[in-house]
Amino acid sequence: MEVRLETTEGLARQAEVWVDGTLLTVMDEYSRPGQPLSPGKLEDVKFTYVTDGGLSWHEAVAGNRAKRMLLEPVRGWRYVGYGRVVQIMPVIIDFALVVMEDANWTNDEKLVGKFVEVPIDRLSIARRGDDDWPAGLR
């Protein structure tokens, strides 16, 4: 997956990135404090998202009976994610364009392979490994 920064307002602010030819609006967790990045290719990027409301896996499955796989823009960095669960503990969802971990855990093995609809209140990009604490122990 190639990720290219188009614009950024700086750390924790809005940015636009190209992912394999698709423009996404995201929260910039990749820049360093006081050092907004210049446009160009980004290395070691990971995508994450926040869902503010609770998520029912039953409702998530019911919301994607058409087996869609995409990130549908809503406004700004808000999206509706349509994807397929590829693993649990943690839950990993393949949205076709990107694969991301969901913060809502389950131990229900029957969820693997199911297509789901997930409200994404904030899509973010970050440096892979920046959430490791202490560094290198993950």
C-alpha atoms as a PDB file:
ATOM      1  CA  MET A   1       0.000   0.000   0.000  1.00  0.00           C
ATOM      2  CA  GLU A   2       1.420   3.380  -0.985  1.00  0.00           C
ATOM      3  CA  VAL A   3       0.449   6.372   1.175  1.00  0.00           C
ATOM      4  CA  ARG A   4       1.230   9.902   0.022  1.00  0.00           C
ATOM      5  CA  LEU A   5       0.582  13.036   2.055  1.00  0.00           C
ATOM      6  CA  GLU A   6      -1.214  15.737   0.074  1.00  0.00           C
ATOM      7  CA  THR A   7      -1.795  18.334   2.828  1.00  0.00           C
ATOM      8  CA  THR A   8      -1.693  18.632   6.604  1.00  0.00           C
ATOM      9  CA  GLU A   9      -2.596  21.296   9.123  1.00  0.00           C
ATOM     10  CA  GLY A  10      -0.190  19.660  11.594  1.00  0.00           C
ATOM     11  CA  LEU A  11      -0.281  17.167  14.408  1.00  0.00           C
ATOM     12  CA  ALA A  12      -3.790  16.261  15.642  1.00  0.00           C
ATOM     13  CA  ARG A  13      -5.317  18.327  12.858  1.00  0.00           C
ATOM     14  CA  GLN A  14      -6.815  17.516   9.498  1.00  0.00           C
ATOM     15  CA  ALA A  15      -4.703  16.023   6.717  1.00  0.00           C
ATOM     16  CA  GLU A  16      -5.359  14.559   3.289  1.00  0.00           C
ATOM     17  CA  VAL A  17      -3.556  11.434   2.126  1.00  0.00           C
ATOM     18  CA  TRP A  18      -3.636   9.396  -1.043  1.00  0.00           C
ATOM     19  CA  VAL A  19      -3.882   5.645  -0.495  1.00  0.00           C
ATOM     20  CA  ASP A  20      -3.350   3.702  -3.685  1.00  0.00           C
ATOM     21  CA  GLY A  21      -5.027   6.485  -5.678  1.00  0.00           C
ATOM     22  CA  THR A  22      -7.893   7.225  -3.250  1.00  0.00           C
ATOM     23  CA  LEU A  23      -7.895  10.543  -1.355  1.00  0.00           C
ATOM     24  CA  LEU A  24      -8.787  10.225   2.353  1.00  0.00           C
ATOM     25  CA  THR A  25      -9.283  12.969   4.924  1.00  0.00           C
ATOM     26  CA  VAL A  26      -7.731  11.922   8.235  1.00  0.00           C
ATOM     27  CA  MET A  27      -6.473  13.180  11.574  1.00  0.00           C
ATOM     28  CA  ASP A  28      -2.701  13.661  11.406  1.00  0.00           C
ATOM     29  CA  GLU A  29      -1.062  11.662  14.188  1.00  0.00           C
ATOM     30  CA  TYR A  30       1.978  11.125  11.963  1.00  0.00           C
ATOM     31  CA  SER A  31       3.572  14.605  12.103  1.00  0.00           C
ATOM     32  CA  ARG A  32       5.771  15.528  15.041  1.00  0.00           C
ATOM     33  CA  PRO A  33       4.805  18.402  17.388  1.00  0.00           C
ATOM     34  CA  GLY A  34       5.508  21.734  15.699  1.00  0.00           C
ATOM     35  CA  GLN A  35       6.796  19.989  12.566  1.00  0.00           C
ATOM     36  CA  PRO A  36       4.039  19.532   9.981  1.00  0.00           C
ATOM     37  CA  LEU A  37       5.162  17.330   7.133  1.00  0.00           C
ATOM     38  CA  SER A  38       5.635  18.326   3.526  1.00  0.00           C
ATOM     39  CA  PRO A  39       3.667  16.533   0.812  1.00  0.00           C
ATOM     40  CA  GLY A  40       5.168  13.238  -0.295  1.00  0.00           C
ATOM     41  CA  LYS A  41       5.370   9.528   0.371  1.00  0.00           C
ATOM     42  CA  LEU A  42       4.920   8.373   3.972  1.00  0.00           C
ATOM     43  CA  GLU A  43       6.680   5.286   5.342  1.00  0.00           C
ATOM     44  CA  ASP A  44       5.568   2.930   8.129  1.00  0.00           C
ATOM     45  CA  VAL A  45       2.008   4.280   8.219  1.00  0.00           C
ATOM     46  CA  LYS A  46      -0.823   2.691  10.123  1.00  0.00           C
ATOM     47  CA  PHE A  47      -4.462   3.676   9.999  1.00  0.00           C
ATOM     48  CA  THR A  48      -6.641   3.690  13.095  1.00  0.00           C
ATOM     49  CA  TYR A  49     -10.156   4.816  13.864  1.00  0.00           C
ATOM     50  CA  VAL A  50     -12.387   5.849  16.712  1.00  0.00           C
ATOM     51  CA  THR A  51     -16.056   4.948  17.046  1.00  0.00           C
ATOM     52  CA  ASP A  52     -17.579   7.254  19.661  1.00  0.00           C
ATOM     53  CA  GLY A  53     -20.811   5.348  20.222  1.00  0.00           C
ATOM     54  CA  GLY A  54     -21.038   1.743  21.285  1.00  0.00           C
ATOM     55  CA  LEU A  55     -20.845  -0.944  18.632  1.00  0.00           C
ATOM     56  CA  SER A  56     -23.045  -4.015  18.595  1.00  0.00           C
ATOM     57  CA  TRP A  57     -21.501  -6.752  16.462  1.00  0.00           C
ATOM     58  CA  HIS A  58     -25.011  -8.030  15.679  1.00  0.00           C
ATOM     59  CA  GLU A  59     -25.969  -4.603  14.296  1.00  0.00           C
ATOM     60  CA  ALA A  60     -22.620  -4.273  12.509  1.00  0.00           C
ATOM     61  CA  VAL A  61     -23.208  -7.542  10.642  1.00  0.00           C
ATOM     62  CA  ALA A  62     -26.825  -6.641   9.868  1.00  0.00           C
ATOM     63  CA  GLY A  63     -25.648  -3.316   8.395  1.00  0.00           C
ATOM     64  CA  ASN A  64     -23.566  -4.929   5.657  1.00  0.00           C
ATOM     65  CA  ARG A  65     -25.679  -7.668   4.111  1.00  0.00           C
ATOM     66  CA  ALA A  66     -24.500  -6.518   0.661  1.00  0.00           C
ATOM     67  CA  LYS A  67     -20.912  -7.550   1.607  1.00  0.00           C
ATOM     68  CA  ARG A  68     -19.449  -4.182   0.687  1.00  0.00           C
ATOM     69  CA  MET A  69     -15.789  -3.356   1.322  1.00  0.00           C
ATOM     70  CA  LEU A  70     -14.986   0.363   1.311  1.00  0.00           C
ATOM     71  CA  LEU A  71     -14.600   3.511   3.355  1.00  0.00           C
ATOM     72  CA  GLU A  72     -17.545   5.748   2.501  1.00  0.00           C
ATOM     73  CA  PRO A  73     -16.902   9.441   3.290  1.00  0.00           C
ATOM     74  CA  VAL A  74     -19.444  11.201   5.514  1.00  0.00           C
ATOM     75  CA  ARG A  75     -17.795  14.536   6.395  1.00  0.00           C
ATOM     76  CA  GLY A  76     -14.227  15.507   7.179  1.00  0.00           C
ATOM     77  CA  TRP A  77     -12.503  12.530   8.767  1.00  0.00           C
ATOM     78  CA  ARG A  78     -15.823  10.745   9.421  1.00  0.00           C
ATOM     79  CA  TYR A  79     -16.623   7.636   7.394  1.00  0.00           C
ATOM     80  CA  VAL A  80     -18.808   4.589   7.338  1.00  0.00           C
ATOM     81  CA  GLY A  81     -16.566   1.565   7.027  1.00  0.00           C
ATOM     82  CA  TYR A  82     -17.771  -1.529   5.223  1.00  0.00           C
ATOM     83  CA  GLY A  83     -15.477  -4.505   5.559  1.00  0.00           C
ATOM     84  CA  ARG A  84     -14.861  -8.124   6.468  1.00  0.00           C
ATOM     85  CA  VAL A  85     -13.633  -9.349   9.850  1.00  0.00           C
ATOM     86  CA  VAL A  86     -10.408 -11.296   9.331  1.00  0.00           C
ATOM     87  CA  GLN A  87      -9.571 -12.116  12.969  1.00  0.00           C
ATOM     88  CA  ILE A  88     -10.675 -11.582  16.559  1.00  0.00           C
ATOM     89  CA  MET A  89      -8.779 -10.798  19.772  1.00  0.00           C
ATOM     90  CA  PRO A  90      -8.070  -8.180  18.554  1.00  0.00           C
ATOM     91  CA  VAL A  91     -10.742  -7.681  15.935  1.00  0.00           C
ATOM     92  CA  ILE A  92      -9.118  -6.867  12.591  1.00  0.00           C
ATOM     93  CA  ILE A  93     -11.301  -5.625   9.725  1.00  0.00           C
ATOM     94  CA  ASP A  94     -10.341  -5.516   6.049  1.00  0.00           C
ATOM     95  CA  PHE A  95     -11.956  -2.472   4.440  1.00  0.00           C
ATOM     96  CA  ALA A  96     -10.313  -3.275   1.050  1.00  0.00           C
ATOM     97  CA  LEU A  97      -8.336  -0.020   0.956  1.00  0.00           C
ATOM     98  CA  VAL A  98      -6.908  -0.464   4.464  1.00  0.00           C
ATOM     99  CA  VAL A  99      -6.937  -3.100   7.201  1.00  0.00           C
ATOM    100  CA  MET A 100      -7.482  -1.791  10.734  1.00  0.00           C
ATOM    101  CA  GLU A 101      -7.938  -2.972  14.301  1.00  0.00           C
ATOM    102  CA  ASP A 102     -11.279  -2.269  15.951  1.00  0.00           C
ATOM    103  CA  ALA A 103     -11.300  -1.222  19.615  1.00  0.00           C
ATOM    104  CA  ASN A 104     -14.420  -3.314  20.292  1.00  0.00           C
ATOM    105  CA  TRP A 105     -13.273  -6.763  21.367  1.00  0.00           C
ATOM    106  CA  THR A 106     -15.089 -10.055  21.081  1.00  0.00           C
ATOM    107  CA  ASN A 107     -14.273 -13.711  21.537  1.00  0.00           C
ATOM    108  CA  ASP A 108     -17.000 -14.848  19.135  1.00  0.00           C
ATOM    109  CA  GLU A 109     -15.166 -16.930  16.503  1.00  0.00           C
ATOM    110  CA  LYS A 110     -18.319 -16.843  14.327  1.00  0.00           C
ATOM    111  CA  LEU A 111     -17.563 -13.183  13.573  1.00  0.00           C
ATOM    112  CA  VAL A 112     -14.495 -14.122  11.471  1.00  0.00           C
ATOM    113  CA  GLY A 113     -15.418 -13.862   7.793  1.00  0.00           C
ATOM    114  CA  LYS A 114     -18.539 -11.769   8.458  1.00  0.00           C
ATOM    115  CA  PHE A 115     -19.070  -8.503   6.625  1.00  0.00           C
ATOM    116  CA  VAL A 116     -19.719  -5.533   8.906  1.00  0.00           C
ATOM    117  CA  GLU A 117     -20.667  -1.856   8.866  1.00  0.00           C
ATOM    118  CA  VAL A 118     -18.712   0.317  11.304  1.00  0.00           C
ATOM    119  CA  PRO A 119     -19.286   4.021  12.031  1.00  0.00           C
ATOM    120  CA  ILE A 120     -15.898   5.749  11.951  1.00  0.00           C
ATOM    121  CA  ASP A 121     -16.024   9.037  13.839  1.00  0.00           C
ATOM    122  CA  ARG A 122     -12.342   9.779  13.257  1.00  0.00           C
ATOM    123  CA  LEU A 123      -9.980   8.112  10.807  1.00  0.00           C
ATOM    124  CA  SER A 124      -6.319   8.738  11.680  1.00  0.00           C
ATOM    125  CA  ILE A 125      -2.869   8.050  10.334  1.00  0.00           C
ATOM    126  CA  ALA A 126       0.060   7.452  12.645  1.00  0.00           C
ATOM    127  CA  ARG A 127       3.559   6.067  12.528  1.00  0.00           C
ATOM    128  CA  ARG A 128       3.626   2.321  12.958  1.00  0.00           C
ATOM    129  CA  GLY A 129       5.094   1.605  16.386  1.00  0.00           C
ATOM    130  CA  ASP A 130       4.398   5.052  17.930  1.00  0.00           C
ATOM    131  CA  ASP A 131       1.856   3.510  20.313  1.00  0.00           C
ATOM    132  CA  ASP A 132       4.354   0.990  21.648  1.00  0.00           C
ATOM    133  CA  TRP A 133       5.179   1.642  25.286  1.00  0.00           C
ATOM    134  CA  PRO A 134       7.752   1.046  26.414  1.00  0.00           C
ATOM    135  CA  ALA A 135       9.358   1.145  22.994  1.00  0.00           C
ATOM    136  CA  GLY A 136      10.065  -2.231  21.464  1.00  0.00           C
ATOM    137  CA  LEU A 137       8.112  -4.381  23.925  1.00  0.00           C
ATOM    138  CA  ARG A 138       5.199  -5.088  21.641  1.00  0.00           C
END
